[in-house]
PDB file of N, CA and C in Angstrom:
ATOM      1  N   MET A   1      10.969  10.955 -11.055  1.00  0.00           N
ATOM      2  CA  MET A   1      11.477   9.716 -10.496  1.00  0.00           C
ATOM      3  C   MET A   1      11.025   8.554 -11.384  1.00  0.00           C
ATOM      4  N   ALA A   2      11.923   7.622 -11.586  1.00  0.00           N
ATOM      5  CA  ALA A   2      11.646   6.446 -12.404  1.00  0.00           C
ATOM      6  C   ALA A   2      11.242   5.276 -11.517  1.00  0.00           C
ATOM      7  N   ILE A   3      10.468   4.363 -12.076  1.00  0.00           N
ATOM      8  CA  ILE A   3      10.128   3.136 -11.356  1.00  0.00           C
ATOM      9  C   ILE A   3      11.335   2.210 -11.471  1.00  0.00           C
ATOM     10  N   LEU A   4      11.982   1.941 -10.339  1.00  0.00           N
ATOM     11  CA  LEU A   4      13.182   1.117 -10.315  1.00  0.00           C
ATOM     12  C   LEU A   4      12.853  -0.364 -10.127  1.00  0.00           C
ATOM     13  N   PHE A   5      11.733  -0.644  -9.462  1.00  0.00           N
ATOM     14  CA  PHE A   5      11.378  -2.026  -9.161  1.00  0.00           C
ATOM     15  C   PHE A   5       9.885  -2.101  -8.904  1.00  0.00           C
ATOM     16  N   THR A   6       9.236  -3.096  -9.446  1.00  0.00           N
ATOM     17  CA  THR A   6       7.841  -3.375  -9.125  1.00  0.00           C
ATOM     18  C   THR A   6       7.644  -4.882  -9.149  1.00  0.00           C
ATOM     19  N   HIS A   7       6.953  -5.397  -8.124  1.00  0.00           N
ATOM     20  CA  HIS A   7       6.804  -6.843  -8.011  1.00  0.00           C
ATOM     21  C   HIS A   7       5.579  -7.166  -7.161  1.00  0.00           C
ATOM     22  N   SER A   8       4.811  -8.147  -7.600  1.00  0.00           N
ATOM     23  CA  SER A   8       3.690  -8.639  -6.815  1.00  0.00           C
ATOM     24  C   SER A   8       4.247  -9.551  -5.729  1.00  0.00           C
ATOM     25  N   ILE A   9       4.017  -9.184  -4.461  1.00  0.00           N
ATOM     26  CA  ILE A   9       4.626  -9.961  -3.378  1.00  0.00           C
ATOM     27  C   ILE A   9       3.643 -10.893  -2.678  1.00  0.00           C
ATOM     28  N   ALA A  10       2.341 -10.672  -2.870  1.00  0.00           N
ATOM     29  CA  ALA A  10       1.362 -11.553  -2.233  1.00  0.00           C
ATOM     30  C   ALA A  10      -0.007 -11.337  -2.864  1.00  0.00           C
ATOM     31  N   SER A  11      -0.831 -12.370  -2.758  1.00  0.00           N
ATOM     32  CA  SER A  11      -2.227 -12.219  -3.163  1.00  0.00           C
ATOM     33  C   SER A  11      -3.076 -13.090  -2.241  1.00  0.00           C
ATOM     34  N   PHE A  12      -4.285 -12.616  -1.977  1.00  0.00           N
ATOM     35  CA  PHE A  12      -5.191 -13.358  -1.113  1.00  0.00           C
ATOM     36  C   PHE A  12      -6.621 -12.922  -1.398  1.00  0.00           C
ATOM     37  N   ASP A  13      -7.566 -13.737  -0.968  1.00  0.00           N
ATOM     38  CA  ASP A  13      -8.985 -13.453  -1.141  1.00  0.00           C
ATOM     39  C   ASP A  13      -9.645 -13.308   0.223  1.00  0.00           C
ATOM     40  N   ASP A  14     -10.639 -12.420   0.293  1.00  0.00           N
ATOM     41  CA  ASP A  14     -11.458 -12.304   1.495  1.00  0.00           C
ATOM     42  C   ASP A  14     -12.851 -11.828   1.108  1.00  0.00           C
ATOM     43  N   SER A  15     -13.692 -11.599   2.088  1.00  0.00           N
ATOM     44  CA  SER A  15     -15.056 -11.111   1.893  1.00  0.00           C
ATOM     45  C   SER A  15     -15.890 -12.019   0.985  1.00  0.00           C
ATOM     46  N   HIS A  16     -15.783 -13.325   1.187  1.00  0.00           N
ATOM     47  CA  HIS A  16     -16.600 -14.280   0.429  1.00  0.00           C
ATOM     48  C   HIS A  16     -18.061 -14.070   0.821  1.00  0.00           C
ATOM     49  N   GLN A  17     -18.926 -13.911  -0.183  1.00  0.00           N
ATOM     50  CA  GLN A  17     -20.335 -13.695   0.101  1.00  0.00           C
ATOM     51  C   GLN A  17     -21.202 -14.014  -1.108  1.00  0.00           C
ATOM     52  N   PRO A  18     -22.453 -14.430  -0.865  1.00  0.00           N
ATOM     53  CA  PRO A  18     -23.360 -14.678  -1.989  1.00  0.00           C
ATOM     54  C   PRO A  18     -23.807 -13.345  -2.588  1.00  0.00           C
ATOM     55  N   THR A  19     -24.048 -13.352  -3.904  1.00  0.00           N
ATOM     56  CA  THR A  19     -24.528 -12.136  -4.569  1.00  0.00           C
ATOM     57  C   THR A  19     -26.042 -12.026  -4.496  1.00  0.00           C
ATOM     58  N   GLY A  20     -26.724 -13.132  -4.172  1.00  0.00           N
ATOM     59  CA  GLY A  20     -28.179 -13.149  -4.142  1.00  0.00           C
ATOM     60  C   GLY A  20     -28.783 -13.589  -5.474  1.00  0.00           C
ATOM     61  N   ARG A  21     -27.934 -13.884  -6.426  1.00  0.00           N
ATOM     62  CA  ARG A  21     -28.390 -14.304  -7.746  1.00  0.00           C
ATOM     63  C   ARG A  21     -28.304 -15.829  -7.859  1.00  0.00           C
ATOM     64  N   ILE A  22     -29.303 -16.425  -8.479  1.00  0.00           N
ATOM     65  CA  ILE A  22     -29.294 -17.867  -8.717  1.00  0.00           C
ATOM     66  C   ILE A  22     -29.202 -18.094 -10.221  1.00  0.00           C
ATOM     67  N   VAL A  23     -28.239 -18.911 -10.614  1.00  0.00           N
ATOM     68  CA  VAL A  23     -28.014 -19.228 -12.020  1.00  0.00           C
ATOM     69  C   VAL A  23     -28.479 -20.660 -12.254  1.00  0.00           C
ATOM     70  N   THR A  24     -29.271 -20.847 -13.294  1.00  0.00           N
ATOM     71  CA  THR A  24     -29.775 -22.185 -13.610  1.00  0.00           C
ATOM     72  C   THR A  24     -28.951 -22.770 -14.749  1.00  0.00           C
ATOM     73  N   ARG A  25     -28.442 -23.962 -14.522  1.00  0.00           N
ATOM     74  CA  ARG A  25     -27.690 -24.693 -15.548  1.00  0.00           C
ATOM     75  C   ARG A  25     -28.405 -26.020 -15.804  1.00  0.00           C
ATOM     76  N   ASN A  26     -28.246 -26.533 -16.985  1.00  0.00           N
ATOM     77  CA  ASN A  26     -28.849 -27.824 -17.331  1.00  0.00           C
ATOM     78  C   ASN A  26     -27.873 -28.958 -17.021  1.00  0.00           C
ATOM     79  N   ASP A  27     -27.418 -29.014 -15.765  1.00  0.00           N
ATOM     80  CA  ASP A  27     -26.471 -30.052 -15.376  1.00  0.00           C
ATOM     81  C   ASP A  27     -27.051 -30.996 -14.320  1.00  0.00           C
ATOM     82  N   GLY A  28     -28.380 -30.982 -14.193  1.00  0.00           N
ATOM     83  CA  GLY A  28     -29.050 -31.891 -13.255  1.00  0.00           C
ATOM     84  C   GLY A  28     -29.191 -33.277 -13.870  1.00  0.00           C
ATOM     85  N   PRO A  29     -29.838 -34.190 -13.157  1.00  0.00           N
ATOM     86  CA  PRO A  29     -30.067 -35.534 -13.710  1.00  0.00           C
ATOM     87  C   PRO A  29     -30.856 -35.447 -15.019  1.00  0.00           C
ATOM     88  N   PHE A  30     -30.439 -36.190 -15.994  1.00  0.00           N
ATOM     89  CA  PHE A  30     -31.058 -36.240 -17.314  1.00  0.00           C
ATOM     90  C   PHE A  30     -31.044 -34.881 -18.017  1.00  0.00           C
ATOM     91  N   GLY A  31     -30.091 -34.018 -17.662  1.00  0.00           N
ATOM     92  CA  GLY A  31     -29.980 -32.705 -18.302  1.00  0.00           C
ATOM     93  C   GLY A  31     -31.023 -31.705 -17.859  1.00  0.00           C
ATOM     94  N   LEU A  32     -31.666 -31.956 -16.714  1.00  0.00           N
ATOM     95  CA  LEU A  32     -32.691 -31.040 -16.214  1.00  0.00           C
ATOM     96  C   LEU A  32     -32.053 -29.797 -15.595  1.00  0.00           C
ATOM     97  N   PRO A  33     -32.791 -28.698 -15.551  1.00  0.00           N
ATOM     98  CA  PRO A  33     -32.265 -27.465 -14.939  1.00  0.00           C
ATOM     99  C   PRO A  33     -31.921 -27.683 -13.470  1.00  0.00           C
ATOM    100  N   ASN A  34     -30.824 -27.086 -13.056  1.00  0.00           N
ATOM    101  CA  ASN A  34     -30.326 -27.231 -11.693  1.00  0.00           C
ATOM    102  C   ASN A  34     -29.895 -25.843 -11.212  1.00  0.00           C
ATOM    103  N   PRO A  35     -30.463 -25.316 -10.106  1.00  0.00           N
ATOM    104  CA  PRO A  35     -30.092 -23.978  -9.641  1.00  0.00           C
ATOM    105  C   PRO A  35     -28.727 -23.984  -8.933  1.00  0.00           C
ATOM    106  N   HIS A  36     -27.937 -22.957  -9.180  1.00  0.00           N
ATOM    107  CA  HIS A  36     -26.636 -22.760  -8.537  1.00  0.00           C
ATOM    108  C   HIS A  36     -26.580 -21.349  -7.975  1.00  0.00           C
ATOM    109  N   LEU A  37     -26.020 -21.212  -6.791  1.00  0.00           N
ATOM    110  CA  LEU A  37     -25.883 -19.915  -6.144  1.00  0.00           C
ATOM    111  C   LEU A  37     -24.628 -19.211  -6.650  1.00  0.00           C
ATOM    112  N   GLU A  38     -24.754 -17.929  -6.976  1.00  0.00           N
ATOM    113  CA  GLU A  38     -23.612 -17.131  -7.419  1.00  0.00           C
ATOM    114  C   GLU A  38     -22.943 -16.488  -6.196  1.00  0.00           C
ATOM    115  N   TRP A  39     -21.625 -16.516  -6.164  1.00  0.00           N
ATOM    116  CA  TRP A  39     -20.832 -15.963  -5.066  1.00  0.00           C
ATOM    117  C   TRP A  39     -19.858 -14.927  -5.588  1.00  0.00           C
ATOM    118  N   LYS A  40     -19.326 -14.110  -4.670  1.00  0.00           N
ATOM    119  CA  LYS A  40     -18.247 -13.196  -5.029  1.00  0.00           C
ATOM    120  C   LYS A  40     -17.238 -13.153  -3.889  1.00  0.00           C
ATOM    121  N   ARG A  41     -16.001 -12.816  -4.254  1.00  0.00           N
ATOM    122  CA  ARG A  41     -14.942 -12.662  -3.259  1.00  0.00           C
ATOM    123  C   ARG A  41     -14.069 -11.496  -3.696  1.00  0.00           C
ATOM    124  N   LEU A  42     -13.441 -10.858  -2.735  1.00  0.00           N
ATOM    125  CA  LEU A  42     -12.562  -9.736  -3.024  1.00  0.00           C
ATOM    126  C   LEU A  42     -11.131 -10.256  -3.109  1.00  0.00           C
ATOM    127  N   HIS A  43     -10.544 -10.162  -4.300  1.00  0.00           N
ATOM    128  CA  HIS A  43      -9.179 -10.639  -4.537  1.00  0.00           C
ATOM    129  C   HIS A  43      -8.227  -9.451  -4.399  1.00  0.00           C
ATOM    130  N   HIS A  44      -7.220  -9.617  -3.540  1.00  0.00           N
ATOM    131  CA  HIS A  44      -6.214  -8.574  -3.306  1.00  0.00           C
ATOM    132  C   HIS A  44      -4.879  -9.021  -3.882  1.00  0.00           C
ATOM    133  N   GLU A  45      -4.161  -8.085  -4.465  1.00  0.00           N
ATOM    134  CA  GLU A  45      -2.790  -8.329  -4.888  1.00  0.00           C
ATOM    135  C   GLU A  45      -1.941  -7.199  -4.315  1.00  0.00           C
ATOM    136  N   LEU A  46      -0.946  -7.554  -3.498  1.00  0.00           N
ATOM    137  CA  LEU A  46      -0.058  -6.560  -2.902  1.00  0.00           C
ATOM    138  C   LEU A  46       1.152  -6.388  -3.808  1.00  0.00           C
ATOM    139  N   VAL A  47       1.344  -5.160  -4.286  1.00  0.00           N
ATOM    140  CA  VAL A  47       2.415  -4.871  -5.244  1.00  0.00           C
ATOM    141  C   VAL A  47       3.393  -3.888  -4.615  1.00  0.00           C
ATOM    142  N   LEU A  48       4.650  -4.301  -4.552  1.00  0.00           N
ATOM    143  CA  LEU A  48       5.719  -3.456  -4.036  1.00  0.00           C
ATOM    144  C   LEU A  48       6.297  -2.641  -5.196  1.00  0.00           C
ATOM    145  N   THR A  49       6.361  -1.321  -5.028  1.00  0.00           N
ATOM    146  CA  THR A  49       6.902  -0.434  -6.058  1.00  0.00           C
ATOM    147  C   THR A  49       7.960   0.458  -5.429  1.00  0.00           C
ATOM    148  N   VAL A  50       9.112   0.550  -6.087  1.00  0.00           N
ATOM    149  CA  VAL A  50      10.209   1.412  -5.642  1.00  0.00           C
ATOM    150  C   VAL A  50      10.467   2.423  -6.750  1.00  0.00           C
ATOM    151  N   GLU A  51      10.395   3.704  -6.396  1.00  0.00           N
ATOM    152  CA  GLU A  51      10.682   4.774  -7.345  1.00  0.00           C
ATOM    153  C   GLU A  51      11.854   5.588  -6.842  1.00  0.00           C
ATOM    154  N   GLY A  52      12.681   6.050  -7.769  1.00  0.00           N
ATOM    155  CA  GLY A  52      13.820   6.858  -7.385  1.00  0.00           C
ATOM    156  C   GLY A  52      14.624   7.275  -8.601  1.00  0.00           C
ATOM    157  N   PRO A  53      15.787   7.902  -8.371  1.00  0.00           N
ATOM    158  CA  PRO A  53      16.647   8.314  -9.476  1.00  0.00           C
ATOM    159  C   PRO A  53      17.141   7.097 -10.266  1.00  0.00           C
ATOM    160  N   ASP A  54      17.251   7.257 -11.565  1.00  0.00           N
ATOM    161  CA  ASP A  54      17.609   6.150 -12.452  1.00  0.00           C
ATOM    162  C   ASP A  54      19.003   5.585 -12.164  1.00  0.00           C
ATOM    163  N   ASP A  55      19.899   6.379 -11.599  1.00  0.00           N
ATOM    164  CA  ASP A  55      21.255   5.887 -11.336  1.00  0.00           C
ATOM    165  C   ASP A  55      21.316   4.902 -10.168  1.00  0.00           C
ATOM    166  N   LEU A  56      20.225   4.716  -9.446  1.00  0.00           N
ATOM    167  CA  LEU A  56      20.186   3.756  -8.330  1.00  0.00           C
ATOM    168  C   LEU A  56      19.673   2.384  -8.750  1.00  0.00           C
ATOM    169  N   ARG A  57      19.355   2.209 -10.028  1.00  0.00           N
ATOM    170  CA  ARG A  57      18.743   0.968 -10.503  1.00  0.00           C
ATOM    171  C   ARG A  57      19.574  -0.267 -10.142  1.00  0.00           C
ATOM    172  N   ASP A  58      20.884  -0.210 -10.261  1.00  0.00           N
ATOM    173  CA  ASP A  58      21.736  -1.371  -9.981  1.00  0.00           C
ATOM    174  C   ASP A  58      21.810  -1.690  -8.488  1.00  0.00           C
ATOM    175  N   ALA A  59      21.742  -0.682  -7.649  1.00  0.00           N
ATOM    176  CA  ALA A  59      21.862  -0.893  -6.198  1.00  0.00           C
ATOM    177  C   ALA A  59      20.570  -1.417  -5.571  1.00  0.00           C
ATOM    178  N   VAL A  60      19.479  -1.299  -6.286  1.00  0.00           N
ATOM    179  CA  VAL A  60      18.178  -1.630  -5.710  1.00  0.00           C
ATOM    180  C   VAL A  60      18.075  -3.100  -5.304  1.00  0.00           C
ATOM    181  N   ASN A  61      18.533  -4.027  -6.141  1.00  0.00           N
ATOM    182  CA  ASN A  61      18.351  -5.460  -5.843  1.00  0.00           C
ATOM    183  C   ASN A  61      19.024  -5.892  -4.550  1.00  0.00           C
ATOM    184  N   GLY A  62      20.272  -5.481  -4.341  1.00  0.00           N
ATOM    185  CA  GLY A  62      20.969  -5.843  -3.107  1.00  0.00           C
ATOM    186  C   GLY A  62      20.288  -5.267  -1.878  1.00  0.00           C
ATOM    187  N   CYS A  63      19.862  -4.024  -1.983  1.00  0.00           N
ATOM    188  CA  CYS A  63      19.187  -3.386  -0.848  1.00  0.00           C
ATOM    189  C   CYS A  63      17.812  -3.991  -0.605  1.00  0.00           C
ATOM    190  N   LEU A  64      17.134  -4.404  -1.674  1.00  0.00           N
ATOM    191  CA  LEU A  64      15.845  -5.073  -1.512  1.00  0.00           C
ATOM    192  C   LEU A  64      15.996  -6.379  -0.736  1.00  0.00           C
ATOM    193  N   GLN A  65      17.052  -7.119  -1.025  1.00  0.00           N
ATOM    194  CA  GLN A  65      17.274  -8.377  -0.312  1.00  0.00           C
ATOM    195  C   GLN A  65      17.522  -8.139   1.172  1.00  0.00           C
ATOM    196  N   GLN A  66      18.346  -7.147   1.496  1.00  0.00           N
ATOM    197  CA  GLN A  66      18.618  -6.837   2.906  1.00  0.00           C
ATOM    198  C   GLN A  66      17.334  -6.420   3.621  1.00  0.00           C
ATOM    199  N   ALA A  67      16.561  -5.557   2.977  1.00  0.00           N
ATOM    200  CA  ALA A  67      15.335  -5.049   3.587  1.00  0.00           C
ATOM    201  C   ALA A  67      14.290  -6.150   3.732  1.00  0.00           C
ATOM    202  N   ALA A  68      14.208  -7.054   2.755  1.00  0.00           N
ATOM    203  CA  ALA A  68      13.232  -8.144   2.814  1.00  0.00           C
ATOM    204  C   ALA A  68      13.529  -9.079   3.978  1.00  0.00           C
ATOM    205  N   VAL A  69      14.786  -9.371   4.200  1.00  0.00           N
ATOM    206  CA  VAL A  69      15.161 -10.235   5.326  1.00  0.00           C
ATOM    207  C   VAL A  69      14.800  -9.565   6.647  1.00  0.00           C
ATOM    208  N   ALA A  70      15.107  -8.274   6.783  1.00  0.00           N
ATOM    209  CA  ALA A  70      14.783  -7.550   8.015  1.00  0.00           C
ATOM    210  C   ALA A  70      13.269  -7.492   8.234  1.00  0.00           C
ATOM    211  N   ALA A  71      12.515  -7.256   7.155  1.00  0.00           N
ATOM    212  CA  ALA A  71      11.049  -7.185   7.266  1.00  0.00           C
ATOM    213  C   ALA A  71      10.455  -8.540   7.622  1.00  0.00           C
ATOM    214  N   ALA A  72      11.010  -9.604   7.055  1.00  0.00           N
ATOM    215  CA  ALA A  72      10.514 -10.943   7.366  1.00  0.00           C
ATOM    216  C   ALA A  72      10.721 -11.263   8.837  1.00  0.00           C
ATOM    217  N   ILE A  73      11.879 -10.911   9.356  1.00  0.00           N
ATOM    218  CA  ILE A  73      12.159 -11.146  10.769  1.00  0.00           C
ATOM    219  C   ILE A  73      11.205 -10.328  11.641  1.00  0.00           C
ATOM    220  N   ALA A  74      10.999  -9.057  11.273  1.00  0.00           N
ATOM    221  CA  ALA A  74      10.088  -8.202  12.049  1.00  0.00           C
ATOM    222  C   ALA A  74       8.657  -8.716  11.974  1.00  0.00           C
ATOM    223  N   GLY A  75       8.233  -9.131  10.800  1.00  0.00           N
ATOM    224  CA  GLY A  75       6.872  -9.642  10.630  1.00  0.00           C
ATOM    225  C   GLY A  75       6.644 -10.925  11.393  1.00  0.00           C
ATOM    226  N   LEU A  76       7.610 -11.829  11.323  1.00  0.00           N
ATOM    227  CA  LEU A  76       7.479 -13.089  12.054  1.00  0.00           C
ATOM    228  C   LEU A  76       7.483 -12.858  13.556  1.00  0.00           C
ATOM    229  N   SER A  77       8.333 -11.949  13.998  1.00  0.00           N
ATOM    230  CA  SER A  77       8.391 -11.637  15.433  1.00  0.00           C
ATOM    231  C   SER A  77       7.065 -11.063  15.912  1.00  0.00           C
ATOM    232  N   ALA A  78       6.517 -10.109  15.144  1.00  0.00           N
ATOM    233  CA  ALA A  78       5.249  -9.486  15.535  1.00  0.00           C
ATOM    234  C   ALA A  78       4.108 -10.503  15.493  1.00  0.00           C
ATOM    235  N   ALA A  79       4.107 -11.365  14.479  1.00  0.00           N
ATOM    236  CA  ALA A  79       3.058 -12.390  14.376  1.00  0.00           C
ATOM    237  C   ALA A  79       3.157 -13.368  15.541  1.00  0.00           C
ATOM    238  N   PHE A  80       4.391 -13.730  15.912  1.00  0.00           N
ATOM    239  CA  PHE A  80       4.603 -14.655  17.029  1.00  0.00           C
ATOM    240  C   PHE A  80       4.132 -14.033  18.340  1.00  0.00           C
ATOM    241  N   LEU A  81       4.295 -12.715  18.458  1.00  0.00           N
ATOM    242  CA  LEU A  81       3.881 -12.023  19.684  1.00  0.00           C
ATOM    243  C   LEU A  81       2.388 -11.733  19.710  1.00  0.00           C
ATOM    244  N   GLY A  82       1.660 -12.152  18.684  1.00  0.00           N
ATOM    245  CA  GLY A  82       0.212 -12.041  18.726  1.00  0.00           C
ATOM    246  C   GLY A  82      -0.398 -11.011  17.812  1.00  0.00           C
ATOM    247  N   ALA A  83       0.381 -10.356  16.977  1.00  0.00           N
ATOM    248  CA  ALA A  83      -0.178  -9.328  16.099  1.00  0.00           C
ATOM    249  C   ALA A  83      -0.931  -9.938  14.921  1.00  0.00           C
ATOM    250  N   GLY A  84      -0.622 -11.173  14.549  1.00  0.00           N
ATOM    251  CA  GLY A  84      -1.307 -11.818  13.426  1.00  0.00           C
ATOM    252  C   GLY A  84      -1.113 -11.038  12.147  1.00  0.00           C
ATOM    253  N   LEU A  85      -2.235 -10.776  11.437  1.00  0.00           N
ATOM    254  CA  LEU A  85      -2.155 -10.009  10.196  1.00  0.00           C
ATOM    255  C   LEU A  85      -1.735  -8.563  10.442  1.00  0.00           C
ATOM    256  N   GLY A  86      -1.869  -8.087  11.654  1.00  0.00           N
ATOM    257  CA  GLY A  86      -1.434  -6.737  11.986  1.00  0.00           C
ATOM    258  C   GLY A  86       0.074  -6.573  11.931  1.00  0.00           C
ATOM    259  N   ALA A  87       0.792  -7.673  11.734  1.00  0.00           N
ATOM    260  CA  ALA A  87       2.252  -7.621  11.664  1.00  0.00           C
ATOM    261  C   ALA A  87       2.742  -7.014  10.358  1.00  0.00           C
ATOM    262  N   THR A  88       1.874  -6.875   9.361  1.00  0.00           N
ATOM    263  CA  THR A  88       2.325  -6.336   8.069  1.00  0.00           C
ATOM    264  C   THR A  88       2.727  -4.874   8.174  1.00  0.00           C
ATOM    265  N   GLY A  89       2.046  -4.099   9.020  1.00  0.00           N
ATOM    266  CA  GLY A  89       2.394  -2.681   9.184  1.00  0.00           C
ATOM    267  C   GLY A  89       3.812  -2.485   9.714  1.00  0.00           C
ATOM    268  N   PRO A  90       4.146  -3.083  10.865  1.00  0.00           N
ATOM    269  CA  PRO A  90       5.514  -2.950  11.377  1.00  0.00           C
ATOM    270  C   PRO A  90       6.561  -3.535  10.422  1.00  0.00           C
ATOM    271  N   ALA A  91       6.228  -4.630   9.755  1.00  0.00           N
ATOM    272  CA  ALA A  91       7.183  -5.231   8.820  1.00  0.00           C
ATOM    273  C   ALA A  91       7.468  -4.291   7.660  1.00  0.00           C
ATOM    274  N   LEU A  92       6.432  -3.604   7.149  1.00  0.00           N
ATOM    275  CA  LEU A  92       6.634  -2.660   6.047  1.00  0.00           C
ATOM    276  C   LEU A  92       7.487  -1.484   6.495  1.00  0.00           C
ATOM    277  N   GLU A  93       7.275  -1.009   7.716  1.00  0.00           N
ATOM    278  CA  GLU A  93       8.072   0.109   8.218  1.00  0.00           C
ATOM    279  C   GLU A  93       9.549  -0.286   8.369  1.00  0.00           C
ATOM    280  N   VAL A  94       9.800  -1.504   8.866  1.00  0.00           N
ATOM    281  CA  VAL A  94      11.184  -1.993   8.965  1.00  0.00           C
ATOM    282  C   VAL A  94      11.788  -2.105   7.571  1.00  0.00           C
ATOM    283  N   PHE A  95      11.012  -2.644   6.631  1.00  0.00           N
ATOM    284  CA  PHE A  95      11.487  -2.763   5.251  1.00  0.00           C
ATOM    285  C   PHE A  95      11.898  -1.396   4.709  1.00  0.00           C
ATOM    286  N   LYS A  96      11.016  -0.404   4.872  1.00  0.00           N
ATOM    287  CA  LYS A  96      11.301   0.939   4.354  1.00  0.00           C
ATOM    288  C   LYS A  96      12.551   1.533   4.981  1.00  0.00           C
ATOM    289  N   SER A  97      12.687   1.415   6.300  1.00  0.00           N
ATOM    290  CA  SER A  97      13.827   2.039   6.969  1.00  0.00           C
ATOM    291  C   SER A  97      15.148   1.365   6.586  1.00  0.00           C
ATOM    292  N   VAL A  98      15.166   0.035   6.518  1.00  0.00           N
ATOM    293  CA  VAL A  98      16.392  -0.672   6.135  1.00  0.00           C
ATOM    294  C   VAL A  98      16.738  -0.390   4.678  1.00  0.00           C
ATOM    295  N   PHE A  99      15.734  -0.385   3.820  1.00  0.00           N
ATOM    296  CA  PHE A  99      15.974  -0.125   2.401  1.00  0.00           C
ATOM    297  C   PHE A  99      16.499   1.293   2.182  1.00  0.00           C
ATOM    298  N   THR A 100      15.876   2.277   2.842  1.00  0.00           N
ATOM    299  CA  THR A 100      16.301   3.667   2.706  1.00  0.00           C
ATOM    300  C   THR A 100      17.723   3.860   3.243  1.00  0.00           C
ATOM    301  N   ALA A 101      18.039   3.221   4.367  1.00  0.00           N
ATOM    302  CA  ALA A 101      19.393   3.317   4.922  1.00  0.00           C
ATOM    303  C   ALA A 101      20.415   2.703   3.968  1.00  0.00           C
ATOM    304  N   CYS A 102      20.058   1.621   3.318  1.00  0.00           N
ATOM    305  CA  CYS A 102      20.964   0.950   2.384  1.00  0.00           C
ATOM    306  C   CYS A 102      21.209   1.796   1.143  1.00  0.00           C
ATOM    307  N   ILE A 103      20.152   2.340   0.565  1.00  0.00           N
ATOM    308  CA  ILE A 103      20.272   3.150  -0.658  1.00  0.00           C
ATOM    309  C   ILE A 103      20.939   4.479  -0.345  1.00  0.00           C
ATOM    310  N   GLY A 104      20.550   5.099   0.762  1.00  0.00           N
ATOM    311  CA  GLY A 104      21.167   6.346   1.173  1.00  0.00           C
ATOM    312  C   GLY A 104      20.735   7.559   0.374  1.00  0.00           C
ATOM    313  N   ARG A 105      19.657   7.443  -0.371  1.00  0.00           N
ATOM    314  CA  ARG A 105      19.171   8.567  -1.169  1.00  0.00           C
ATOM    315  C   ARG A 105      17.656   8.662  -1.065  1.00  0.00           C
ATOM    316  N   SER A 106      17.130   9.680  -1.684  1.00  0.00           N
ATOM    317  CA  SER A 106      15.691   9.890  -1.680  1.00  0.00           C
ATOM    318  C   SER A 106      15.004   8.918  -2.636  1.00  0.00           C
ATOM    319  N   ILE A 107      14.186   8.032  -2.060  1.00  0.00           N
ATOM    320  CA  ILE A 107      13.419   7.076  -2.851  1.00  0.00           C
ATOM    321  C   ILE A 107      12.020   6.999  -2.269  1.00  0.00           C
ATOM    322  N   ASP A 108      11.129   6.393  -3.005  1.00  0.00           N
ATOM    323  CA  ASP A 108       9.764   6.183  -2.527  1.00  0.00           C
ATOM    324  C   ASP A 108       9.463   4.699  -2.618  1.00  0.00           C
ATOM    325  N   VAL A 109       9.121   4.095  -1.483  1.00  0.00           N
ATOM    326  CA  VAL A 109       8.742   2.682  -1.434  1.00  0.00           C
ATOM    327  C   VAL A 109       7.289   2.629  -1.012  1.00  0.00           C
ATOM    328  N   ARG A 110       6.477   1.957  -1.797  1.00  0.00           N
ATOM    329  CA  ARG A 110       5.067   1.847  -1.421  1.00  0.00           C
ATOM    330  C   ARG A 110       4.556   0.439  -1.694  1.00  0.00           C
ATOM    331  N   LEU A 111       3.549   0.077  -0.930  1.00  0.00           N
ATOM    332  CA  LEU A 111       2.884  -1.216  -1.070  1.00  0.00           C
ATOM    333  C   LEU A 111       1.439  -0.930  -1.447  1.00  0.00           C
ATOM    334  N   ASP A 112       1.086  -1.229  -2.697  1.00  0.00           N
ATOM    335  CA  ASP A 112      -0.263  -0.963  -3.195  1.00  0.00           C
ATOM    336  C   ASP A 112      -1.112  -2.224  -3.091  1.00  0.00           C
ATOM    337  N   ASP A 113      -2.344  -2.052  -2.624  1.00  0.00           N
ATOM    338  CA  ASP A 113      -3.311  -3.148  -2.564  1.00  0.00           C
ATOM    339  C   ASP A 113      -4.244  -2.978  -3.753  1.00  0.00           C
ATOM    340  N   ARG A 114      -4.017  -3.763  -4.787  1.00  0.00           N
ATOM    341  CA  ARG A 114      -4.889  -3.740  -5.960  1.00  0.00           C
ATOM    342  C   ARG A 114      -5.943  -4.811  -5.746  1.00  0.00           C
ATOM    343  N   SER A 115      -7.197  -4.398  -5.686  1.00  0.00           N
ATOM    344  CA  SER A 115      -8.241  -5.374  -5.396  1.00  0.00           C
ATOM    345  C   SER A 115      -9.368  -5.301  -6.429  1.00  0.00           C
ATOM    346  N   GLU A 116     -10.015  -6.444  -6.613  1.00  0.00           N
ATOM    347  CA  GLU A 116     -11.146  -6.533  -7.527  1.00  0.00           C
ATOM    348  C   GLU A 116     -12.071  -7.651  -7.067  1.00  0.00           C
ATOM    349  N   TRP A 117     -13.362  -7.491  -7.369  1.00  0.00           N
ATOM    350  CA  TRP A 117     -14.337  -8.516  -7.055  1.00  0.00           C
ATOM    351  C   TRP A 117     -14.297  -9.590  -8.115  1.00  0.00           C
ATOM    352  N   ILE A 118     -14.314 -10.846  -7.696  1.00  0.00           N
ATOM    353  CA  ILE A 118     -14.369 -11.991  -8.606  1.00  0.00           C
ATOM    354  C   ILE A 118     -15.677 -12.727  -8.317  1.00  0.00           C
ATOM    355  N   VAL A 119     -16.455 -12.968  -9.371  1.00  0.00           N
ATOM    356  CA  VAL A 119     -17.753 -13.624  -9.232  1.00  0.00           C
ATOM    357  C   VAL A 119     -17.629 -15.040  -9.792  1.00  0.00           C
ATOM    358  N   TRP A 120     -18.214 -16.009  -9.083  1.00  0.00           N
ATOM    359  CA  TRP A 120     -18.217 -17.382  -9.571  1.00  0.00           C
ATOM    360  C   TRP A 120     -19.518 -18.058  -9.143  1.00  0.00           C
ATOM    361  N   VAL A 121     -19.834 -19.162  -9.802  1.00  0.00           N
ATOM    362  CA  VAL A 121     -21.053 -19.913  -9.516  1.00  0.00           C
ATOM    363  C   VAL A 121     -20.661 -21.260  -8.951  1.00  0.00           C
ATOM    364  N   MET A 122     -21.291 -21.623  -7.849  1.00  0.00           N
ATOM    365  CA  MET A 122     -20.990 -22.914  -7.225  1.00  0.00           C
ATOM    366  C   MET A 122     -21.784 -24.016  -7.883  1.00  0.00           C
TER     367      MET A 122
END
């Protein structure tokens, strides 16, 4: 199966926390040493990937648009009903079902969470 479509659809940070390390910089008054606390956060990037037979490459964009609209409606509805961030699961399932129905063939749609720690000094 070939990768027909891949796109970063969202990114966000969470798990902000101090590392316990103190970094000293000479940015105090008169160039004196000044301690700064080091922090880290977990950066997530959600990447949508569609794999399938190469002959479906042209049909993918139209079906992606239909599925995205259906997923947005499902996600907003679930969020409005109180699911909050938990609305992403039902929205992804609606996206997959609408997209698969549109394409009408065997494809694989997945949402990968690529995450990494980012360290910075305050």
